Amino acid sequence: MTGAADERIPHQRRRRRPTRSGTLLSAELIVDCALRLIGEHGPEALSVRRLGAALGCDPSAVYRYFRNTDDLLLAVADRIIGDSMAGFVPGSDWVDSLREMARRVRDGYLAHPRAAALASYRVTRRENEFHSVETGVGILLRAGFAPARALRLYLAFVDTVLGHAALDAATLALPAAQRETDGWASTLAYRSVDADVYPVLASVRDDLDILAESSFEDALELVLAALVAQAPRGAPGTE
């Protein structure tokens, strides 16, 4: 992991320099390019060689801004967080605020489904992640939870959100034909089970298409309901 102040690339190595096409090179431009390459060609496209070719610069120029491709990946993950949370201001109702925050995170991952597979489980320790954690924990503190409890519940909340968001993004990243065969989209096998062996599955046969739907909203509401049940009385959203 990265992010410690004494590990960061010195400022003088971050000076913007033009590529062969005349475009000024910057960390932001490299992250933009990395997101595009991953989106078009998959995670294997995240290489210094491909970045150099796409940016029109010597591949070694990337190392002026990032120590290695893992350092760049963390920046990509942090960009997704930043884009998701841009403009978000928590409201007076802490439950509604957490609900909006969760949906923003999921939307951010669905906007970059191939990058989500690489980024969802990483802790970036960068500005956008700091801001996101600050916001989420702050919402729970204002709901009346004690600091240690707010931190623990934030972790449970965000892990649930990230897990479902990553799952939905991973499904979206699959080729359409593969989504039809590898996921819940095809329930034919379940519809044809022997009712004597699997009586429960046989009894819900007509409703099996529900399994093809995302469970994100249901999981989110379950988590929010659990938080409300544990919240101190009197906090907006607990009455």
C-alpha atoms as a PDB file:
ATOM      1  CA  MET A   1       0.000   0.000   0.000  1.00  0.00           C
ATOM      2  CA  THR A   2       1.070   3.572  -0.490  1.00  0.00           C
ATOM      3  CA  GLY A   3       0.311   6.973   0.869  1.00  0.00           C
ATOM      4  CA  ALA A   4       2.818   7.654   3.680  1.00  0.00           C
ATOM      5  CA  ALA A   5       4.212  11.144   3.318  1.00  0.00           C
ATOM      6  CA  ASP A   6       7.817  10.046   3.239  1.00  0.00           C
ATOM      7  CA  GLU A   7       7.049   7.551   0.448  1.00  0.00           C
ATOM      8  CA  ARG A   8       5.426   9.947  -1.962  1.00  0.00           C
ATOM      9  CA  ILE A   9       7.149  10.880  -5.168  1.00  0.00           C
ATOM     10  CA  PRO A  10       9.010  14.189  -4.730  1.00  0.00           C
ATOM     11  CA  HIS A  11       7.195  17.204  -6.112  1.00  0.00           C
ATOM     12  CA  GLN A  12       9.954  17.951  -8.609  1.00  0.00           C
ATOM     13  CA  ARG A  13       9.369  14.581 -10.262  1.00  0.00           C
ATOM     14  CA  ARG A  14       5.714  15.509 -10.822  1.00  0.00           C
ATOM     15  CA  ARG A  15       6.463  18.448 -13.131  1.00  0.00           C
ATOM     16  CA  ARG A  16       4.178  18.401 -16.120  1.00  0.00           C
ATOM     17  CA  ARG A  17       5.978  17.582 -19.376  1.00  0.00           C
ATOM     18  CA  PRO A  18       4.576  17.449 -22.908  1.00  0.00           C
ATOM     19  CA  THR A  19       4.114  14.123 -24.691  1.00  0.00           C
ATOM     20  CA  ARG A  20       5.160  13.606 -28.309  1.00  0.00           C
ATOM     21  CA  SER A  21       1.737  14.886 -29.356  1.00  0.00           C
ATOM     22  CA  GLY A  22       2.272  18.075 -27.369  1.00  0.00           C
ATOM     23  CA  THR A  23      -0.130  17.178 -24.549  1.00  0.00           C
ATOM     24  CA  LEU A  24       1.115  18.102 -21.110  1.00  0.00           C
ATOM     25  CA  LEU A  25       1.694  14.931 -19.105  1.00  0.00           C
ATOM     26  CA  SER A  26       0.315  14.830 -15.582  1.00  0.00           C
ATOM     27  CA  ALA A  27      -0.766  12.323 -12.972  1.00  0.00           C
ATOM     28  CA  GLU A  28      -4.399  13.116 -13.784  1.00  0.00           C
ATOM     29  CA  LEU A  29      -3.868  12.458 -17.486  1.00  0.00           C
ATOM     30  CA  ILE A  30      -2.162   9.135 -16.764  1.00  0.00           C
ATOM     31  CA  VAL A  31      -5.040   8.037 -14.531  1.00  0.00           C
ATOM     32  CA  ASP A  32      -7.530   9.052 -17.238  1.00  0.00           C
ATOM     33  CA  CYS A  33      -5.620   6.955 -19.748  1.00  0.00           C
ATOM     34  CA  ALA A  34      -5.362   3.995 -17.360  1.00  0.00           C
ATOM     35  CA  LEU A  35      -9.116   4.002 -16.791  1.00  0.00           C
ATOM     36  CA  ARG A  36      -9.743   4.126 -20.527  1.00  0.00           C
ATOM     37  CA  LEU A  37      -7.317   1.300 -21.286  1.00  0.00           C
ATOM     38  CA  ILE A  38      -8.761  -0.927 -18.571  1.00  0.00           C
ATOM     39  CA  GLY A  39     -12.276  -0.160 -19.777  1.00  0.00           C
ATOM     40  CA  GLU A  40     -11.434  -1.015 -23.372  1.00  0.00           C
ATOM     41  CA  HIS A  41      -9.032  -3.926 -22.957  1.00  0.00           C
ATOM     42  CA  GLY A  42      -9.379  -5.230 -19.411  1.00  0.00           C
ATOM     43  CA  PRO A  43      -7.050  -5.262 -16.390  1.00  0.00           C
ATOM     44  CA  GLU A  44      -4.146  -6.697 -18.378  1.00  0.00           C
ATOM     45  CA  ALA A  45      -3.943  -3.385 -20.239  1.00  0.00           C
ATOM     46  CA  LEU A  46      -2.539  -1.655 -17.156  1.00  0.00           C
ATOM     47  CA  SER A  47       1.110  -1.695 -18.146  1.00  0.00           C
ATOM     48  CA  VAL A  48       3.699   1.052 -18.483  1.00  0.00           C
ATOM     49  CA  ARG A  49       4.322   0.039 -22.095  1.00  0.00           C
ATOM     50  CA  ARG A  50       0.684   0.392 -23.102  1.00  0.00           C
ATOM     51  CA  LEU A  51       0.334   3.633 -21.191  1.00  0.00           C
ATOM     52  CA  GLY A  52       3.353   5.094 -22.951  1.00  0.00           C
ATOM     53  CA  ALA A  53       1.992   4.105 -26.353  1.00  0.00           C
ATOM     54  CA  ALA A  54      -1.467   5.506 -25.592  1.00  0.00           C
ATOM     55  CA  LEU A  55      -0.099   8.748 -24.144  1.00  0.00           C
ATOM     56  CA  GLY A  56       2.490   9.252 -26.867  1.00  0.00           C
ATOM     57  CA  CYS A  57       5.397   9.371 -24.446  1.00  0.00           C
ATOM     58  CA  ASP A  58       8.334   7.251 -23.391  1.00  0.00           C
ATOM     59  CA  PRO A  59       6.990   4.616 -20.960  1.00  0.00           C
ATOM     60  CA  SER A  60       9.604   5.628 -18.407  1.00  0.00           C
ATOM     61  CA  ALA A  61       7.875   9.019 -18.124  1.00  0.00           C
ATOM     62  CA  VAL A  62       5.095   7.333 -16.144  1.00  0.00           C
ATOM     63  CA  TYR A  63       7.609   6.706 -13.354  1.00  0.00           C
ATOM     64  CA  ARG A  64       7.922  10.445 -12.783  1.00  0.00           C
ATOM     65  CA  TYR A  65       4.394  10.311 -11.366  1.00  0.00           C
ATOM     66  CA  PHE A  66       3.932   6.743 -10.106  1.00  0.00           C
ATOM     67  CA  ARG A  67       6.462   4.336  -8.624  1.00  0.00           C
ATOM     68  CA  ASN A  68       4.954   1.331 -10.379  1.00  0.00           C
ATOM     69  CA  THR A  69       1.684   0.042 -11.830  1.00  0.00           C
ATOM     70  CA  ASP A  70       0.367  -0.822  -8.359  1.00  0.00           C
ATOM     71  CA  ASP A  71       0.882   2.779  -7.303  1.00  0.00           C
ATOM     72  CA  LEU A  72      -1.069   3.798 -10.401  1.00  0.00           C
ATOM     73  CA  LEU A  73      -3.803   1.274  -9.622  1.00  0.00           C
ATOM     74  CA  LEU A  74      -4.303   2.887  -6.223  1.00  0.00           C
ATOM     75  CA  ALA A  75      -4.652   6.240  -7.952  1.00  0.00           C
ATOM     76  CA  VAL A  76      -7.242   4.722 -10.302  1.00  0.00           C
ATOM     77  CA  ALA A  77      -9.155   3.324  -7.319  1.00  0.00           C
ATOM     78  CA  ASP A  78      -9.035   6.703  -5.619  1.00  0.00           C
ATOM     79  CA  ARG A  79     -10.283   8.427  -8.777  1.00  0.00           C
ATOM     80  CA  ILE A  80     -13.345   6.155  -8.841  1.00  0.00           C
ATOM     81  CA  ILE A  81     -14.047   7.075  -5.217  1.00  0.00           C
ATOM     82  CA  GLY A  82     -13.620  10.766  -5.963  1.00  0.00           C
ATOM     83  CA  ASP A  83     -15.903  10.691  -8.985  1.00  0.00           C
ATOM     84  CA  SER A  84     -18.528   8.804  -6.982  1.00  0.00           C
ATOM     85  CA  MET A  85     -18.521  11.257  -4.101  1.00  0.00           C
ATOM     86  CA  ALA A  86     -18.204  14.470  -6.126  1.00  0.00           C
ATOM     87  CA  GLY A  87     -20.764  17.007  -4.966  1.00  0.00           C
ATOM     88  CA  PHE A  88     -22.153  14.800  -2.204  1.00  0.00           C
ATOM     89  CA  VAL A  89     -23.261  16.739   0.873  1.00  0.00           C
ATOM     90  CA  PRO A  90     -24.925  14.736   3.669  1.00  0.00           C
ATOM     91  CA  GLY A  91     -28.383  15.945   4.599  1.00  0.00           C
ATOM     92  CA  SER A  92     -30.108  16.205   7.955  1.00  0.00           C
ATOM     93  CA  ASP A  93     -31.396  12.622   7.807  1.00  0.00           C
ATOM     94  CA  TRP A  94     -28.428  10.323   8.404  1.00  0.00           C
ATOM     95  CA  VAL A  95     -30.170   7.256   6.986  1.00  0.00           C
ATOM     96  CA  ASP A  96     -30.978   8.991   3.701  1.00  0.00           C
ATOM     97  CA  SER A  97     -27.408  10.286   3.586  1.00  0.00           C
ATOM     98  CA  LEU A  98     -25.943   6.796   3.943  1.00  0.00           C
ATOM     99  CA  ARG A  99     -28.377   5.495   1.332  1.00  0.00           C
ATOM    100  CA  GLU A 100     -27.260   8.128  -1.169  1.00  0.00           C
ATOM    101  CA  MET A 101     -23.609   7.499  -0.364  1.00  0.00           C
ATOM    102  CA  ALA A 102     -24.039   3.768  -0.971  1.00  0.00           C
ATOM    103  CA  ARG A 103     -25.772   4.296  -4.298  1.00  0.00           C
ATOM    104  CA  ARG A 104     -23.064   6.703  -5.379  1.00  0.00           C
ATOM    105  CA  VAL A 105     -20.376   4.119  -4.634  1.00  0.00           C
ATOM    106  CA  ARG A 106     -22.203   1.466  -6.631  1.00  0.00           C
ATOM    107  CA  ASP A 107     -22.805   3.839  -9.550  1.00  0.00           C
ATOM    108  CA  GLY A 108     -19.100   4.674  -9.573  1.00  0.00           C
ATOM    109  CA  TYR A 109     -18.132   1.028  -9.838  1.00  0.00           C
ATOM    110  CA  LEU A 110     -20.731   0.323 -12.513  1.00  0.00           C
ATOM    111  CA  ALA A 111     -19.313   3.236 -14.535  1.00  0.00           C
ATOM    112  CA  HIS A 112     -15.948   1.411 -14.604  1.00  0.00           C
ATOM    113  CA  PRO A 113     -16.830  -2.274 -14.239  1.00  0.00           C
ATOM    114  CA  ARG A 114     -13.491  -3.659 -15.422  1.00  0.00           C
ATOM    115  CA  ALA A 115     -11.501  -1.346 -13.174  1.00  0.00           C
ATOM    116  CA  ALA A 116     -13.770  -2.224 -10.250  1.00  0.00           C
ATOM    117  CA  ALA A 117     -12.417  -5.762 -10.201  1.00  0.00           C
ATOM    118  CA  LEU A 118      -8.967  -4.338  -9.507  1.00  0.00           C
ATOM    119  CA  ALA A 119      -9.978  -1.501  -7.218  1.00  0.00           C
ATOM    120  CA  SER A 120     -12.837  -2.651  -5.005  1.00  0.00           C
ATOM    121  CA  TYR A 121     -10.740  -4.408  -2.356  1.00  0.00           C
ATOM    122  CA  ARG A 122      -7.875  -1.902  -2.229  1.00  0.00           C
ATOM    123  CA  VAL A 123      -7.331   0.680   0.507  1.00  0.00           C
ATOM    124  CA  THR A 124      -5.898   3.691  -1.317  1.00  0.00           C
ATOM    125  CA  ARG A 125      -4.919   5.889   1.659  1.00  0.00           C
ATOM    126  CA  ARG A 126      -5.320   8.878  -0.632  1.00  0.00           C
ATOM    127  CA  GLU A 127      -7.263  12.117  -0.621  1.00  0.00           C
ATOM    128  CA  ASN A 128     -10.561  10.926  -2.052  1.00  0.00           C
ATOM    129  CA  GLU A 129     -10.691   7.893   0.212  1.00  0.00           C
ATOM    130  CA  PHE A 130      -9.834  10.034   3.233  1.00  0.00           C
ATOM    131  CA  HIS A 131     -12.698  12.370   2.329  1.00  0.00           C
ATOM    132  CA  SER A 132     -15.114   9.468   1.841  1.00  0.00           C
ATOM    133  CA  VAL A 133     -14.269   7.856   5.190  1.00  0.00           C
ATOM    134  CA  GLU A 134     -14.427  11.258   6.887  1.00  0.00           C
ATOM    135  CA  THR A 135     -17.902  11.746   5.435  1.00  0.00           C
ATOM    136  CA  GLY A 136     -19.244   8.285   6.265  1.00  0.00           C
ATOM    137  CA  VAL A 137     -17.942   8.167   9.820  1.00  0.00           C
ATOM    138  CA  GLY A 138     -19.139  11.743  10.340  1.00  0.00           C
ATOM    139  CA  ILE A 139     -22.679  10.746   9.364  1.00  0.00           C
ATOM    140  CA  LEU A 140     -22.693   7.999  11.992  1.00  0.00           C
ATOM    141  CA  LEU A 141     -21.210  10.255  14.656  1.00  0.00           C
ATOM    142  CA  ARG A 142     -23.947  12.813  14.022  1.00  0.00           C
ATOM    143  CA  ALA A 143     -26.468   9.986  14.372  1.00  0.00           C
ATOM    144  CA  GLY A 144     -25.284   9.648  17.960  1.00  0.00           C
ATOM    145  CA  PHE A 145     -23.030   6.592  17.793  1.00  0.00           C
ATOM    146  CA  ALA A 146     -19.943   6.612  20.000  1.00  0.00           C
ATOM    147  CA  PRO A 147     -16.649   6.980  18.086  1.00  0.00           C
ATOM    148  CA  ALA A 148     -15.517   3.356  18.321  1.00  0.00           C
ATOM    149  CA  ARG A 149     -18.991   2.098  17.433  1.00  0.00           C
ATOM    150  CA  ALA A 150     -19.286   4.548  14.529  1.00  0.00           C
ATOM    151  CA  LEU A 151     -16.018   3.281  13.082  1.00  0.00           C
ATOM    152  CA  ARG A 152     -17.047  -0.352  13.424  1.00  0.00           C
ATOM    153  CA  LEU A 153     -20.469   0.216  11.891  1.00  0.00           C
ATOM    154  CA  TYR A 154     -19.000   2.286   9.069  1.00  0.00           C
ATOM    155  CA  LEU A 155     -16.722  -0.637   8.211  1.00  0.00           C
ATOM    156  CA  ALA A 156     -19.676  -3.035   8.164  1.00  0.00           C
ATOM    157  CA  PHE A 157     -21.680  -0.607   6.030  1.00  0.00           C
ATOM    158  CA  VAL A 158     -18.986   0.167   3.481  1.00  0.00           C
ATOM    159  CA  ASP A 159     -17.811  -3.452   3.176  1.00  0.00           C
ATOM    160  CA  THR A 160     -21.378  -4.512   2.398  1.00  0.00           C
ATOM    161  CA  VAL A 161     -21.755  -1.750  -0.169  1.00  0.00           C
ATOM    162  CA  LEU A 162     -18.391  -2.432  -1.801  1.00  0.00           C
ATOM    163  CA  GLY A 163     -18.978  -6.168  -1.915  1.00  0.00           C
ATOM    164  CA  HIS A 164     -22.304  -5.847  -3.699  1.00  0.00           C
ATOM    165  CA  ALA A 165     -21.059  -3.042  -5.938  1.00  0.00           C
ATOM    166  CA  ALA A 166     -18.037  -5.120  -6.971  1.00  0.00           C
ATOM    167  CA  LEU A 167     -20.222  -8.157  -7.645  1.00  0.00           C
ATOM    168  CA  ASP A 168     -22.595  -6.155  -9.831  1.00  0.00           C
ATOM    169  CA  ALA A 169     -19.667  -4.527 -11.630  1.00  0.00           C
ATOM    170  CA  ALA A 170     -17.969  -7.888 -12.212  1.00  0.00           C
ATOM    171  CA  THR A 171     -21.175  -9.246 -13.722  1.00  0.00           C
ATOM    172  CA  LEU A 172     -21.501  -6.193 -15.945  1.00  0.00           C
ATOM    173  CA  ALA A 173     -17.894  -6.613 -17.101  1.00  0.00           C
ATOM    174  CA  LEU A 174     -18.596 -10.090 -18.471  1.00  0.00           C
ATOM    175  CA  PRO A 175     -19.395 -10.489 -22.174  1.00  0.00           C
ATOM    176  CA  ALA A 176     -23.167 -10.540 -22.668  1.00  0.00           C
ATOM    177  CA  ALA A 177     -23.216 -14.202 -23.681  1.00  0.00           C
ATOM    178  CA  GLN A 178     -21.219 -15.177 -20.608  1.00  0.00           C
ATOM    179  CA  ARG A 179     -23.540 -13.229 -18.319  1.00  0.00           C
ATOM    180  CA  GLU A 180     -26.365 -15.383 -19.625  1.00  0.00           C
ATOM    181  CA  THR A 181     -24.596 -18.647 -18.771  1.00  0.00           C
ATOM    182  CA  ASP A 182     -22.321 -17.973 -15.798  1.00  0.00           C
ATOM    183  CA  GLY A 183     -24.570 -15.966 -13.501  1.00  0.00           C
ATOM    184  CA  TRP A 184     -28.093 -16.143 -12.169  1.00  0.00           C
ATOM    185  CA  ALA A 185     -29.452 -14.848 -15.478  1.00  0.00           C
ATOM    186  CA  SER A 186     -30.101 -18.419 -16.585  1.00  0.00           C
ATOM    187  CA  THR A 187     -32.263 -20.299 -14.093  1.00  0.00           C
ATOM    188  CA  LEU A 188     -33.162 -23.136 -16.457  1.00  0.00           C
ATOM    189  CA  ALA A 189     -31.199 -25.692 -14.447  1.00  0.00           C
ATOM    190  CA  TYR A 190     -33.021 -24.683 -11.276  1.00  0.00           C
ATOM    191  CA  ARG A 191     -36.398 -24.848 -12.970  1.00  0.00           C
ATOM    192  CA  SER A 192     -35.800 -28.442 -14.001  1.00  0.00           C
ATOM    193  CA  VAL A 193     -34.748 -29.916 -10.639  1.00  0.00           C
ATOM    194  CA  ASP A 194     -36.471 -33.004  -9.327  1.00  0.00           C
ATOM    195  CA  ALA A 195     -39.291 -31.834  -7.043  1.00  0.00           C
ATOM    196  CA  ASP A 196     -38.916 -34.919  -4.867  1.00  0.00           C
ATOM    197  CA  VAL A 197     -35.271 -34.108  -4.185  1.00  0.00           C
ATOM    198  CA  TYR A 198     -35.554 -30.298  -4.062  1.00  0.00           C
ATOM    199  CA  PRO A 199     -39.139 -29.564  -2.986  1.00  0.00           C
ATOM    200  CA  VAL A 200     -38.369 -25.960  -1.943  1.00  0.00           C
ATOM    201  CA  LEU A 201     -36.822 -25.047  -5.284  1.00  0.00           C
ATOM    202  CA  ALA A 202     -39.726 -26.690  -7.075  1.00  0.00           C
ATOM    203  CA  SER A 203     -42.209 -24.676  -5.023  1.00  0.00           C
ATOM    204  CA  VAL A 204     -40.637 -21.344  -6.049  1.00  0.00           C
ATOM    205  CA  ARG A 205     -40.012 -22.324  -9.662  1.00  0.00           C
ATOM    206  CA  ASP A 206     -42.250 -19.598 -11.083  1.00  0.00           C
ATOM    207  CA  ASP A 207     -40.348 -16.855  -9.230  1.00  0.00           C
ATOM    208  CA  LEU A 208     -36.787 -17.942  -9.959  1.00  0.00           C
ATOM    209  CA  ASP A 209     -36.170 -15.028 -12.340  1.00  0.00           C
ATOM    210  CA  ILE A 210     -35.809 -12.878  -9.242  1.00  0.00           C
ATOM    211  CA  LEU A 211     -32.387 -14.457  -8.747  1.00  0.00           C
ATOM    212  CA  ALA A 212     -31.162 -12.685 -11.874  1.00  0.00           C
ATOM    213  CA  GLU A 213     -31.783  -9.278 -10.288  1.00  0.00           C
ATOM    214  CA  SER A 214     -29.170  -7.393  -8.273  1.00  0.00           C
ATOM    215  CA  SER A 215     -29.562  -7.796  -4.522  1.00  0.00           C
ATOM    216  CA  PHE A 216     -27.867  -4.455  -3.852  1.00  0.00           C
ATOM    217  CA  GLU A 217     -30.954  -2.482  -2.845  1.00  0.00           C
ATOM    218  CA  ASP A 218     -32.270  -5.253  -0.595  1.00  0.00           C
ATOM    219  CA  ALA A 219     -28.892  -5.653   1.101  1.00  0.00           C
ATOM    220  CA  LEU A 220     -28.587  -1.888   1.530  1.00  0.00           C
ATOM    221  CA  GLU A 221     -31.996  -1.586   3.159  1.00  0.00           C
ATOM    222  CA  LEU A 222     -31.234  -4.486   5.495  1.00  0.00           C
ATOM    223  CA  VAL A 223     -28.019  -2.797   6.641  1.00  0.00           C
ATOM    224  CA  LEU A 224     -29.737   0.565   7.084  1.00  0.00           C
ATOM    225  CA  ALA A 225     -32.557  -1.021   9.066  1.00  0.00           C
ATOM    226  CA  ALA A 226     -30.005  -2.691  11.337  1.00  0.00           C
ATOM    227  CA  LEU A 227     -28.228   0.638  11.872  1.00  0.00           C
ATOM    228  CA  VAL A 228     -31.506   2.373  12.702  1.00  0.00           C
ATOM    229  CA  ALA A 229     -32.342  -0.365  15.219  1.00  0.00           C
ATOM    230  CA  GLN A 230     -29.041   0.265  17.008  1.00  0.00           C
ATOM    231  CA  ALA A 231     -29.012   4.053  16.790  1.00  0.00           C
ATOM    232  CA  PRO A 232     -29.550   6.208  19.870  1.00  0.00           C
ATOM    233  CA  ARG A 233     -33.127   7.436  20.096  1.00  0.00           C
ATOM    234  CA  GLY A 234     -33.851  10.905  18.810  1.00  0.00           C
ATOM    235  CA  ALA A 235     -31.491  10.917  15.835  1.00  0.00           C
ATOM    236  CA  PRO A 236     -33.178  11.968  12.563  1.00  0.00           C
ATOM    237  CA  GLY A 237     -34.314   8.808  10.801  1.00  0.00           C
ATOM    238  CA  THR A 238     -34.735   6.734  13.972  1.00  0.00           C
ATOM    239  CA  GLU A 239     -38.258   7.760  14.851  1.00  0.00           C
END
